[in-house]
N, C-alpha and C. Protein backbone atom coordinates (compact mmCIF):
# COMPACT_ATOMS: atom_id res chain seq x y z
N MET A 1 3.93 -8.78 -11.58
CA MET A 1 2.97 -7.85 -11.57
C MET A 1 3.79 -6.34 -11.69
N ILE A 2 3.35 -5.46 -12.51
CA ILE A 2 3.90 -4.19 -12.59
C ILE A 2 3.00 -3.18 -11.80
N LEU A 3 3.65 -2.62 -10.82
CA LEU A 3 3.00 -1.56 -9.91
C LEU A 3 3.63 -0.33 -10.29
N VAL A 4 2.69 0.87 -10.67
CA VAL A 4 3.28 2.07 -10.90
C VAL A 4 2.21 3.14 -10.25
N ASN A 5 2.81 4.40 -10.06
CA ASN A 5 1.87 5.38 -9.47
C ASN A 5 1.56 6.37 -10.66
N THR A 6 1.83 6.12 -11.95
CA THR A 6 1.40 6.90 -12.99
C THR A 6 0.16 6.31 -13.56
N ASP A 7 -0.55 7.07 -14.52
CA ASP A 7 -1.75 6.63 -14.90
C ASP A 7 -1.46 5.72 -16.25
N SER A 8 -0.32 5.44 -16.57
CA SER A 8 -0.13 4.60 -17.89
C SER A 8 1.19 3.86 -17.59
N ILE A 9 1.62 3.02 -18.36
CA ILE A 9 2.82 2.23 -18.35
C ILE A 9 3.62 2.69 -19.74
N PRO A 10 4.68 3.50 -19.61
CA PRO A 10 5.39 3.95 -20.80
C PRO A 10 5.76 2.94 -21.88
N GLY A 11 5.26 3.26 -23.06
CA GLY A 11 5.50 2.21 -24.11
C GLY A 11 4.51 1.08 -24.27
N LYS A 12 3.51 1.11 -23.54
CA LYS A 12 2.46 -0.03 -23.39
C LYS A 12 1.04 0.49 -23.61
N ARG A 13 0.33 -0.34 -24.25
CA ARG A 13 -1.22 0.17 -24.28
C ARG A 13 -1.87 -0.84 -23.20
N ILE A 14 -2.77 -0.41 -22.69
CA ILE A 14 -3.44 -1.07 -21.43
C ILE A 14 -4.83 -1.05 -21.51
N HIS A 15 -5.47 -1.94 -20.99
CA HIS A 15 -7.06 -2.07 -21.01
C HIS A 15 -7.40 -2.06 -19.42
N THR A 16 -8.26 -1.28 -19.11
CA THR A 16 -8.67 -1.16 -17.66
C THR A 16 -9.55 -2.22 -17.34
N LEU A 17 -9.35 -2.83 -16.10
CA LEU A 17 -10.21 -3.87 -15.59
C LEU A 17 -11.15 -3.35 -14.39
N GLY A 18 -10.50 -2.35 -13.66
CA GLY A 18 -11.30 -1.75 -12.62
C GLY A 18 -10.37 -1.44 -11.46
N MET A 19 -11.06 -0.94 -10.47
CA MET A 19 -10.27 -0.47 -9.19
C MET A 19 -10.10 -1.63 -8.23
N VAL A 20 -8.73 -1.65 -7.74
CA VAL A 20 -8.54 -2.75 -6.76
C VAL A 20 -7.95 -2.03 -5.49
N LYS A 21 -8.08 -2.57 -4.27
CA LYS A 21 -7.55 -1.98 -3.06
C LYS A 21 -7.06 -3.11 -2.16
N GLY A 22 -6.32 -2.70 -1.24
CA GLY A 22 -5.85 -3.46 -0.12
C GLY A 22 -5.72 -2.61 1.08
N PHE A 23 -6.02 -3.28 2.24
CA PHE A 23 -5.77 -2.42 3.45
C PHE A 23 -5.34 -3.44 4.60
N PHE A 24 -4.78 -2.64 5.57
CA PHE A 24 -4.24 -3.50 6.65
C PHE A 24 -4.44 -2.47 8.00
N VAL A 25 -4.89 -3.06 9.05
CA VAL A 25 -4.88 -2.33 10.32
C VAL A 25 -3.97 -2.94 11.21
N GLN A 26 -3.10 -2.09 11.89
CA GLN A 26 -2.27 -2.70 12.84
C GLN A 26 -2.16 -1.80 14.10
N SER A 27 -2.03 -2.50 15.31
CA SER A 27 -1.92 -1.66 16.49
C SER A 27 -0.54 -1.69 16.81
N LYS A 28 -0.28 -0.81 17.81
CA LYS A 28 1.19 -0.52 18.40
C LYS A 28 1.48 -1.45 19.57
N HIS A 29 2.71 -2.11 19.64
CA HIS A 29 3.14 -2.81 20.79
C HIS A 29 3.29 -1.98 21.98
N VAL A 30 2.69 -2.24 23.02
CA VAL A 30 2.76 -1.48 24.27
C VAL A 30 4.18 -1.02 24.72
N GLY A 31 5.12 -2.01 24.75
CA GLY A 31 6.49 -1.81 24.98
C GLY A 31 7.21 -0.82 24.14
N ARG A 32 6.91 -1.08 22.78
CA ARG A 32 7.48 -0.08 21.84
C ARG A 32 7.02 1.27 22.05
N ASP A 33 5.65 1.43 22.37
CA ASP A 33 4.98 2.66 22.45
C ASP A 33 5.67 3.50 23.65
N ILE A 34 5.83 2.75 24.81
CA ILE A 34 6.59 3.43 25.86
C ILE A 34 7.91 4.02 25.48
N MET A 35 8.51 3.09 24.76
CA MET A 35 9.96 3.59 24.44
C MET A 35 9.84 4.76 23.37
N SER A 36 8.94 4.71 22.53
CA SER A 36 8.71 5.86 21.59
C SER A 36 8.29 7.32 22.32
N VAL A 37 7.47 7.20 23.35
CA VAL A 37 7.33 8.34 24.14
C VAL A 37 8.61 8.90 24.63
N PHE A 38 9.57 8.12 25.17
CA PHE A 38 10.79 8.63 25.68
C PHE A 38 11.60 9.21 24.57
N LYS A 39 11.58 8.45 23.37
CA LYS A 39 12.36 9.15 22.14
C LYS A 39 11.84 10.41 21.66
N SER A 40 10.58 10.55 21.58
CA SER A 40 9.95 11.72 21.25
C SER A 40 10.38 12.91 22.09
N LEU A 41 10.82 12.66 23.37
CA LEU A 41 11.24 13.94 24.04
C LEU A 41 12.47 14.36 23.65
N VAL A 42 13.39 13.60 23.03
CA VAL A 42 14.66 14.06 22.71
C VAL A 42 14.74 14.22 21.26
N GLY A 43 13.77 13.72 20.43
CA GLY A 43 13.60 13.82 18.94
C GLY A 43 14.40 12.62 18.29
N GLY A 44 14.18 12.62 16.97
CA GLY A 44 14.79 11.50 16.20
C GLY A 44 13.72 10.54 15.60
N GLU A 45 14.09 9.78 14.89
CA GLU A 45 13.24 8.71 14.16
C GLU A 45 12.61 7.76 15.18
N LEU A 46 11.33 7.45 15.04
CA LEU A 46 10.64 6.49 15.92
C LEU A 46 10.75 5.08 15.04
N LYS A 47 11.77 4.48 15.28
CA LYS A 47 12.15 3.29 14.41
C LYS A 47 10.90 2.10 14.47
N ALA A 48 10.36 1.98 15.74
CA ALA A 48 9.33 0.99 15.73
C ALA A 48 8.11 1.38 15.01
N TYR A 49 7.76 2.51 14.95
CA TYR A 49 6.79 3.14 14.19
C TYR A 49 6.95 3.01 12.70
N SER A 50 8.17 3.31 12.25
CA SER A 50 8.53 3.18 10.91
C SER A 50 8.48 1.75 10.44
N GLU A 51 8.99 0.88 11.11
CA GLU A 51 8.97 -0.49 10.80
C GLU A 51 7.49 -1.02 10.87
N MET A 52 6.71 -0.62 11.69
CA MET A 52 5.21 -0.90 11.71
C MET A 52 4.59 -0.54 10.48
N LEU A 53 4.77 0.87 10.08
CA LEU A 53 4.17 1.28 8.93
C LEU A 53 4.66 0.79 7.56
N ASN A 54 5.94 0.47 7.52
CA ASN A 54 6.38 -0.17 6.36
C ASN A 54 6.04 -1.66 6.18
N GLU A 55 5.77 -2.35 7.22
CA GLU A 55 5.12 -3.70 7.17
C GLU A 55 3.63 -3.53 6.89
N SER A 56 3.02 -2.68 7.35
CA SER A 56 1.58 -2.38 7.01
C SER A 56 1.41 -2.10 5.40
N ARG A 57 2.23 -1.19 5.14
CA ARG A 57 2.16 -0.81 3.48
C ARG A 57 2.51 -2.14 2.73
N GLU A 58 3.40 -2.99 3.09
CA GLU A 58 3.76 -4.16 2.38
C GLU A 58 2.62 -5.21 2.35
N ARG A 59 1.93 -5.23 3.50
CA ARG A 59 0.67 -6.20 3.61
C ARG A 59 -0.48 -5.67 2.77
N ALA A 60 -0.72 -4.41 2.90
CA ALA A 60 -1.82 -3.69 2.24
C ALA A 60 -1.64 -3.98 0.64
N THR A 61 -0.32 -3.79 0.26
CA THR A 61 0.07 -3.85 -1.14
C THR A 61 -0.19 -5.23 -1.68
N ALA A 62 0.26 -6.19 -0.89
CA ALA A 62 0.02 -7.57 -1.12
C ALA A 62 -1.37 -8.02 -1.34
N ARG A 63 -2.27 -7.43 -0.61
CA ARG A 63 -3.71 -7.69 -0.71
C ARG A 63 -4.16 -7.13 -1.91
N MET A 64 -3.78 -5.82 -2.25
CA MET A 64 -4.18 -5.37 -3.56
C MET A 64 -3.80 -6.11 -4.70
N VAL A 65 -2.61 -6.60 -4.60
CA VAL A 65 -1.96 -7.34 -5.83
C VAL A 65 -2.84 -8.68 -5.92
N ALA A 66 -3.25 -9.24 -4.93
CA ALA A 66 -3.97 -10.48 -4.77
C ALA A 66 -5.27 -10.15 -5.50
N GLU A 67 -6.09 -9.01 -5.22
CA GLU A 67 -7.34 -8.70 -5.83
C GLU A 67 -7.08 -8.36 -7.25
N ALA A 68 -6.02 -7.84 -7.68
CA ALA A 68 -5.65 -7.50 -9.06
C ALA A 68 -5.62 -8.85 -9.83
N GLU A 69 -4.82 -9.78 -9.30
CA GLU A 69 -4.39 -11.05 -9.89
C GLU A 69 -5.85 -11.95 -10.23
N LYS A 70 -6.84 -11.75 -9.28
CA LYS A 70 -8.19 -12.36 -9.42
C LYS A 70 -8.79 -11.91 -10.61
N LEU A 71 -8.59 -10.64 -10.92
CA LEU A 71 -9.17 -10.14 -12.01
C LEU A 71 -8.37 -10.30 -13.47
N GLY A 72 -7.21 -10.95 -13.21
CA GLY A 72 -6.43 -11.29 -14.39
C GLY A 72 -5.53 -10.06 -14.91
N ALA A 73 -5.24 -9.17 -14.00
CA ALA A 73 -4.40 -8.03 -14.14
C ALA A 73 -2.85 -8.41 -14.47
N ASP A 74 -2.22 -7.66 -15.37
CA ASP A 74 -0.79 -7.75 -15.51
C ASP A 74 -0.18 -6.62 -14.64
N ALA A 75 -0.87 -5.57 -14.47
CA ALA A 75 -0.38 -4.41 -13.63
C ALA A 75 -1.43 -3.61 -12.95
N VAL A 76 -0.88 -2.87 -12.07
CA VAL A 76 -1.81 -1.91 -11.18
C VAL A 76 -1.28 -0.55 -11.44
N VAL A 77 -1.99 0.49 -12.10
CA VAL A 77 -1.46 1.79 -12.41
C VAL A 77 -2.19 2.88 -11.44
N ASN A 78 -1.70 3.93 -11.25
CA ASN A 78 -2.08 5.11 -10.60
C ASN A 78 -2.35 4.65 -9.08
N ILE A 79 -1.37 4.04 -8.55
CA ILE A 79 -1.35 3.57 -7.19
C ILE A 79 -1.27 4.76 -6.25
N ARG A 80 -2.22 4.65 -5.15
CA ARG A 80 -2.24 5.75 -4.12
C ARG A 80 -2.24 5.10 -2.77
N TYR A 81 -1.48 5.74 -1.62
CA TYR A 81 -1.57 5.22 -0.31
C TYR A 81 -2.34 6.25 0.44
N ALA A 82 -2.91 5.87 1.53
CA ALA A 82 -3.61 6.71 2.52
C ALA A 82 -3.38 6.03 3.82
N SER A 83 -3.37 6.80 5.00
CA SER A 83 -3.47 6.24 6.22
C SER A 83 -4.37 6.97 7.24
N SER A 84 -4.89 6.33 8.16
CA SER A 84 -5.65 7.03 9.13
C SER A 84 -5.51 6.22 10.47
N GLN A 85 -5.85 6.98 11.61
CA GLN A 85 -5.95 6.23 12.80
C GLN A 85 -7.39 5.81 12.96
N VAL A 86 -7.57 4.49 13.14
CA VAL A 86 -8.82 3.91 13.35
C VAL A 86 -9.41 3.87 14.83
N MET A 87 -8.45 4.01 15.71
CA MET A 87 -8.71 3.88 17.10
C MET A 87 -7.44 4.33 17.89
N ALA A 88 -7.54 4.64 19.09
CA ALA A 88 -6.31 4.90 19.78
C ALA A 88 -5.28 3.82 19.80
N GLY A 89 -4.07 4.02 19.23
CA GLY A 89 -3.11 2.93 19.07
C GLY A 89 -3.11 1.93 17.87
N ALA A 90 -4.11 2.37 16.97
CA ALA A 90 -4.20 1.54 15.74
C ALA A 90 -4.25 2.31 14.61
N ALA A 91 -3.53 1.91 13.54
CA ALA A 91 -3.53 2.76 12.31
C ALA A 91 -3.90 1.75 11.06
N GLU A 92 -4.59 2.42 10.08
CA GLU A 92 -5.07 1.78 8.92
C GLU A 92 -4.17 2.28 7.76
N ILE A 93 -3.72 1.42 6.93
CA ILE A 93 -2.96 1.69 5.68
C ILE A 93 -3.85 1.32 4.60
N LEU A 94 -4.21 2.01 3.63
CA LEU A 94 -5.18 1.75 2.44
C LEU A 94 -4.31 2.02 1.20
N VAL A 95 -4.33 1.07 0.31
CA VAL A 95 -3.64 1.25 -0.92
C VAL A 95 -4.64 1.00 -2.09
N TYR A 96 -4.77 1.82 -3.03
CA TYR A 96 -5.68 1.45 -4.14
C TYR A 96 -5.10 1.89 -5.52
N GLY A 97 -5.67 1.42 -6.56
CA GLY A 97 -5.18 1.70 -7.89
C GLY A 97 -6.12 1.09 -8.91
N THR A 98 -5.68 1.15 -10.21
CA THR A 98 -6.54 0.54 -11.20
C THR A 98 -5.86 -0.69 -11.83
N ALA A 99 -6.51 -1.88 -11.88
CA ALA A 99 -6.02 -3.04 -12.27
C ALA A 99 -6.04 -2.98 -13.97
N VAL A 100 -5.09 -3.39 -14.69
CA VAL A 100 -4.97 -3.28 -16.02
C VAL A 100 -4.42 -4.51 -16.79
N THR A 101 -4.74 -4.71 -17.85
CA THR A 101 -3.98 -5.92 -18.78
C THR A 101 -3.21 -5.06 -19.80
N ILE A 102 -2.13 -5.54 -20.03
CA ILE A 102 -1.23 -5.01 -21.08
C ILE A 102 -1.59 -5.63 -22.32
N LEU A 103 -1.91 -4.78 -23.44
CA LEU A 103 -2.39 -5.16 -24.76
C LEU A 103 -1.08 -5.47 -25.67
N ASP A 104 -1.25 -6.59 -26.35
CA ASP A 104 -0.18 -6.88 -27.34
C ASP A 104 -0.21 -5.83 -28.49
N ASP A 105 1.03 -5.54 -28.87
CA ASP A 105 1.26 -4.37 -29.88
C ASP A 105 0.51 -4.78 -31.08
N ASP A 106 0.24 -6.05 -31.45
CA ASP A 106 -0.48 -6.46 -32.68
C ASP A 106 -1.93 -6.30 -32.60
N ALA A 107 -2.39 -6.12 -31.50
CA ALA A 107 -3.85 -6.07 -31.21
C ALA A 107 -4.59 -4.83 -31.79
C-alpha cells in the first residue's frame, strides 16, 4: 500500500475510490502522567507522551489502510492527520485520505 500526503503519485495515473479514515483514542497512564508533570517543570521532551502519540498514529494509520484495502485500493493519497482531546487525559488521533487504484499505463 502506497501512502502519500500529496494529491497524486508521481508518474502514475490514479482512479479515486473514495475517502477513508482511521482513528484511535488513547488515555494517559497515571504513573507516566505524574512523571510528566515533574518533567514539565524543568523542560524537555515528554517521552511517554511522544511514545503514546506515535503509537496512536500508527494504529490510526493501520485502521485507515484496512478500510482502503476493503475498497480494493492500491494507495491512499492526500493523507492528513488531526488530533484532539476528547476528555481529560485522553487524546484522539484521526487520519484520513483518498483511497485510489493505480491505473495501468495501457488503460
